Amino acid sequence: MLWGEVRELFPDQFVLVEELKSHYEDNKLHVEEVAVIKPIPDPQEALKELFSAKNERFVYHTSNEAIIVEVRDKPMIRRTRKHESGI
């Protein structure tokens, strides 16, 4: 599902989503498609879900027009970019 569709279905609230399609640009992850796991109306519950989320799952608020996450490289940790185009 595209982020714009998620925003229409769940206006002004947190949602737990799973990243399906994304790309990297200038050290930023641009998420294009997600699968909605569940809406989270309570901000305290959203915080709990955020800290327990794993793999490609994360919590985001639908007031954001796009899902763009700054990626910071840590010198001692190597990360593979699983969803980068062209792999």
N, C-alpha and C. Protein backbone atom coordinates (compact mmCIF):
# COMPACT_ATOMS: atom_id res chain seq x y z
N MET A 1 0.84 -1.16 0.00
CA MET A 1 0.00 0.00 0.00
C MET A 1 0.90 1.24 0.00
N LEU A 2 0.54 2.23 -0.77
CA LEU A 2 1.30 3.47 -0.80
C LEU A 2 1.02 4.28 0.47
N TRP A 3 1.99 5.09 0.89
CA TRP A 3 1.86 5.86 2.12
C TRP A 3 0.67 6.83 2.04
N GLY A 4 0.42 7.40 0.89
CA GLY A 4 -0.73 8.31 0.74
C GLY A 4 -2.04 7.61 1.04
N GLU A 5 -2.16 6.34 0.65
CA GLU A 5 -3.38 5.56 0.95
C GLU A 5 -3.50 5.30 2.44
N VAL A 6 -2.38 5.00 3.09
CA VAL A 6 -2.39 4.77 4.54
C VAL A 6 -2.84 6.03 5.26
N ARG A 7 -2.35 7.18 4.82
CA ARG A 7 -2.71 8.46 5.44
C ARG A 7 -4.21 8.74 5.31
N GLU A 8 -4.80 8.35 4.19
CA GLU A 8 -6.24 8.56 4.00
C GLU A 8 -7.06 7.63 4.88
N LEU A 9 -6.63 6.38 5.00
CA LEU A 9 -7.37 5.40 5.79
C LEU A 9 -7.24 5.62 7.29
N PHE A 10 -6.08 6.11 7.74
CA PHE A 10 -5.81 6.28 9.18
C PHE A 10 -5.31 7.70 9.45
N PRO A 11 -6.18 8.70 9.29
CA PRO A 11 -5.71 10.09 9.44
C PRO A 11 -5.29 10.43 10.87
N ASP A 12 -4.20 11.18 10.96
CA ASP A 12 -3.70 11.75 12.20
C ASP A 12 -3.56 10.75 13.35
N GLN A 13 -2.89 9.63 13.06
CA GLN A 13 -2.61 8.66 14.11
C GLN A 13 -1.36 7.85 13.78
N PHE A 14 -0.87 7.15 14.78
CA PHE A 14 0.27 6.27 14.60
C PHE A 14 -0.20 4.96 13.98
N VAL A 15 0.67 4.37 13.15
CA VAL A 15 0.39 3.05 12.58
C VAL A 15 1.65 2.21 12.66
N LEU A 16 1.47 0.93 12.91
CA LEU A 16 2.57 -0.03 12.84
C LEU A 16 2.56 -0.57 11.42
N VAL A 17 3.67 -0.41 10.73
CA VAL A 17 3.75 -0.83 9.33
C VAL A 17 4.99 -1.69 9.10
N GLU A 18 4.98 -2.40 7.99
CA GLU A 18 6.15 -3.16 7.55
C GLU A 18 6.57 -2.62 6.19
N GLU A 19 7.83 -2.31 6.08
CA GLU A 19 8.39 -1.78 4.83
C GLU A 19 8.37 -2.86 3.76
N LEU A 20 7.82 -2.53 2.58
CA LEU A 20 7.78 -3.46 1.46
C LEU A 20 8.69 -3.03 0.32
N LYS A 21 8.72 -1.73 0.06
CA LYS A 21 9.53 -1.21 -1.04
C LYS A 21 10.13 0.12 -0.62
N SER A 22 11.44 0.26 -0.85
CA SER A 22 12.13 1.50 -0.47
C SER A 22 13.38 1.66 -1.31
N HIS A 23 13.99 2.83 -1.19
CA HIS A 23 15.28 3.07 -1.83
C HIS A 23 16.07 4.07 -0.99
N TYR A 24 17.39 4.08 -1.18
CA TYR A 24 18.27 5.00 -0.46
C TYR A 24 18.66 6.13 -1.40
N GLU A 25 18.68 7.33 -0.83
CA GLU A 25 19.10 8.50 -1.57
C GLU A 25 19.73 9.48 -0.59
N ASP A 26 20.99 9.81 -0.79
CA ASP A 26 21.70 10.76 0.08
C ASP A 26 21.60 10.39 1.56
N ASN A 27 21.92 9.15 1.89
CA ASN A 27 21.88 8.64 3.27
C ASN A 27 20.51 8.74 3.92
N LYS A 28 19.47 8.71 3.10
CA LYS A 28 18.10 8.71 3.62
C LYS A 28 17.35 7.55 2.99
N LEU A 29 16.59 6.88 3.83
CA LEU A 29 15.75 5.79 3.37
C LEU A 29 14.39 6.36 3.01
N HIS A 30 13.98 6.20 1.76
CA HIS A 30 12.68 6.66 1.28
C HIS A 30 11.79 5.42 1.13
N VAL A 31 10.82 5.30 2.01
CA VAL A 31 9.92 4.14 1.99
C VAL A 31 8.75 4.47 1.07
N GLU A 32 8.53 3.61 0.08
CA GLU A 32 7.50 3.86 -0.92
C GLU A 32 6.23 3.06 -0.65
N GLU A 33 6.39 1.80 -0.28
CA GLU A 33 5.22 0.95 -0.03
C GLU A 33 5.35 0.25 1.32
N VAL A 34 4.22 0.12 2.01
CA VAL A 34 4.18 -0.53 3.32
C VAL A 34 2.96 -1.44 3.41
N ALA A 35 3.02 -2.35 4.36
CA ALA A 35 1.86 -3.15 4.74
C ALA A 35 1.46 -2.69 6.13
N VAL A 36 0.21 -2.31 6.30
CA VAL A 36 -0.25 -1.86 7.60
C VAL A 36 -0.51 -3.08 8.48
N ILE A 37 0.15 -3.12 9.62
CA ILE A 37 -0.06 -4.19 10.59
C ILE A 37 -1.26 -3.84 11.46
N LYS A 38 -1.23 -2.59 12.01
CA LYS A 38 -2.39 -2.14 12.79
C LYS A 38 -2.27 -0.65 13.08
N PRO A 39 -3.41 0.04 13.21
CA PRO A 39 -3.38 1.42 13.67
C PRO A 39 -3.18 1.44 15.18
N ILE A 40 -2.57 2.51 15.68
CA ILE A 40 -2.30 2.61 17.11
C ILE A 40 -2.83 3.97 17.59
N PRO A 41 -4.04 4.01 18.13
CA PRO A 41 -4.63 5.29 18.53
C PRO A 41 -3.99 5.92 19.77
N ASP A 42 -3.40 5.12 20.64
CA ASP A 42 -2.84 5.62 21.88
C ASP A 42 -1.33 5.88 21.74
N PRO A 43 -0.86 7.12 21.98
CA PRO A 43 0.57 7.42 21.86
C PRO A 43 1.46 6.58 22.77
N GLN A 44 1.01 6.22 23.95
CA GLN A 44 1.82 5.38 24.85
C GLN A 44 2.00 3.98 24.26
N GLU A 45 0.94 3.45 23.68
CA GLU A 45 1.04 2.14 23.03
C GLU A 45 1.96 2.23 21.81
N ALA A 46 1.91 3.36 21.09
CA ALA A 46 2.78 3.55 19.92
C ALA A 46 4.24 3.50 20.33
N LEU A 47 4.56 4.10 21.47
CA LEU A 47 5.93 4.07 21.97
C LEU A 47 6.37 2.64 22.29
N LYS A 48 5.50 1.88 22.93
CA LYS A 48 5.82 0.48 23.24
C LYS A 48 6.03 -0.33 21.97
N GLU A 49 5.16 -0.12 20.99
CA GLU A 49 5.28 -0.84 19.71
C GLU A 49 6.57 -0.46 18.99
N LEU A 50 6.94 0.81 19.07
CA LEU A 50 8.16 1.28 18.41
C LEU A 50 9.38 0.55 18.96
N PHE A 51 9.47 0.43 20.28
CA PHE A 51 10.63 -0.21 20.89
C PHE A 51 10.63 -1.73 20.72
N SER A 52 9.48 -2.33 20.46
CA SER A 52 9.46 -3.77 20.27
C SER A 52 9.46 -4.18 18.80
N ALA A 53 9.38 -3.21 17.89
CA ALA A 53 9.36 -3.51 16.46
C ALA A 53 10.70 -4.09 16.01
N LYS A 54 10.64 -5.06 15.09
CA LYS A 54 11.84 -5.73 14.59
C LYS A 54 11.82 -5.79 13.07
N ASN A 55 13.01 -6.00 12.52
CA ASN A 55 13.21 -6.16 11.09
C ASN A 55 12.72 -4.93 10.34
N GLU A 56 11.82 -5.09 9.41
CA GLU A 56 11.34 -3.98 8.60
C GLU A 56 10.08 -3.33 9.16
N ARG A 57 9.71 -3.67 10.38
CA ARG A 57 8.52 -3.08 11.00
C ARG A 57 8.91 -1.83 11.80
N PHE A 58 8.04 -0.83 11.74
CA PHE A 58 8.27 0.40 12.50
C PHE A 58 6.95 1.14 12.69
N VAL A 59 6.97 2.12 13.58
CA VAL A 59 5.80 2.93 13.87
C VAL A 59 6.03 4.31 13.27
N TYR A 60 5.00 4.84 12.61
CA TYR A 60 5.11 6.16 11.98
C TYR A 60 3.78 6.87 12.10
N HIS A 61 3.80 8.19 12.12
CA HIS A 61 2.56 8.97 12.27
C HIS A 61 2.09 9.44 10.90
N THR A 62 0.81 9.34 10.66
CA THR A 62 0.25 9.66 9.35
C THR A 62 0.19 11.16 9.06
N SER A 63 0.57 12.00 10.01
CA SER A 63 0.65 13.43 9.71
C SER A 63 1.84 13.74 8.81
N ASN A 64 2.79 12.81 8.72
CA ASN A 64 3.96 12.98 7.84
C ASN A 64 3.56 12.69 6.40
N GLU A 65 3.94 13.58 5.49
CA GLU A 65 3.57 13.43 4.08
C GLU A 65 4.31 12.28 3.40
N ALA A 66 5.50 11.98 3.87
CA ALA A 66 6.30 10.90 3.28
C ALA A 66 7.08 10.22 4.39
N ILE A 67 7.50 8.99 4.12
CA ILE A 67 8.35 8.27 5.07
C ILE A 67 9.79 8.39 4.57
N ILE A 68 10.52 9.27 5.25
CA ILE A 68 11.93 9.48 4.92
C ILE A 68 12.70 9.43 6.23
N VAL A 69 13.64 8.48 6.31
CA VAL A 69 14.38 8.26 7.54
C VAL A 69 15.86 8.47 7.27
N GLU A 70 16.49 9.32 8.06
CA GLU A 70 17.92 9.54 7.92
C GLU A 70 18.67 8.32 8.45
N VAL A 71 19.61 7.82 7.68
CA VAL A 71 20.39 6.65 8.05
C VAL A 71 21.78 7.11 8.46
N ARG A 72 22.14 6.77 9.67
CA ARG A 72 23.47 7.13 10.16
C ARG A 72 24.30 5.87 10.25
N ASP A 73 25.43 5.90 9.58
CA ASP A 73 26.33 4.76 9.62
C ASP A 73 27.14 4.78 10.91
N LYS A 74 27.23 3.64 11.53
CA LYS A 74 28.08 3.49 12.72
C LYS A 74 29.34 2.78 12.26
N PRO A 75 30.50 3.32 12.57
CA PRO A 75 31.75 2.76 12.02
C PRO A 75 32.00 1.29 12.37
N MET A 76 31.52 0.81 13.49
CA MET A 76 31.80 -0.56 13.90
C MET A 76 30.71 -1.55 13.51
N ILE A 77 29.66 -1.07 12.88
CA ILE A 77 28.54 -1.95 12.50
C ILE A 77 28.37 -1.90 10.99
N ARG A 78 28.29 -3.07 10.40
CA ARG A 78 28.06 -3.14 8.96
C ARG A 78 26.60 -3.51 8.73
N ARG A 79 25.96 -2.76 7.85
CA ARG A 79 24.56 -3.01 7.56
C ARG A 79 24.40 -3.20 6.06
N THR A 80 23.65 -4.21 5.70
CA THR A 80 23.35 -4.40 4.29
C THR A 80 22.03 -3.73 3.99
N ARG A 81 21.96 -3.14 2.86
CA ARG A 81 20.74 -2.45 2.44
C ARG A 81 19.93 -3.42 1.60
N LYS A 82 18.99 -4.10 2.26
CA LYS A 82 18.24 -5.18 1.63
C LYS A 82 17.31 -4.73 0.51
N HIS A 83 16.76 -3.53 0.62
CA HIS A 83 15.73 -3.13 -0.32
C HIS A 83 16.19 -2.10 -1.33
N GLU A 84 17.50 -1.94 -1.44
CA GLU A 84 18.01 -0.94 -2.36
C GLU A 84 17.80 -1.42 -3.79
N SER A 85 17.40 -0.52 -4.67
CA SER A 85 17.16 -0.85 -6.08
C SER A 85 18.45 -1.33 -6.74
N GLY A 86 18.32 -2.26 -7.65
CA GLY A 86 19.44 -2.73 -8.42
C GLY A 86 20.20 -3.89 -7.82
N ILE A 87 19.73 -4.43 -6.72
CA ILE A 87 20.42 -5.58 -6.11
C ILE A 87 19.69 -6.83 -6.49
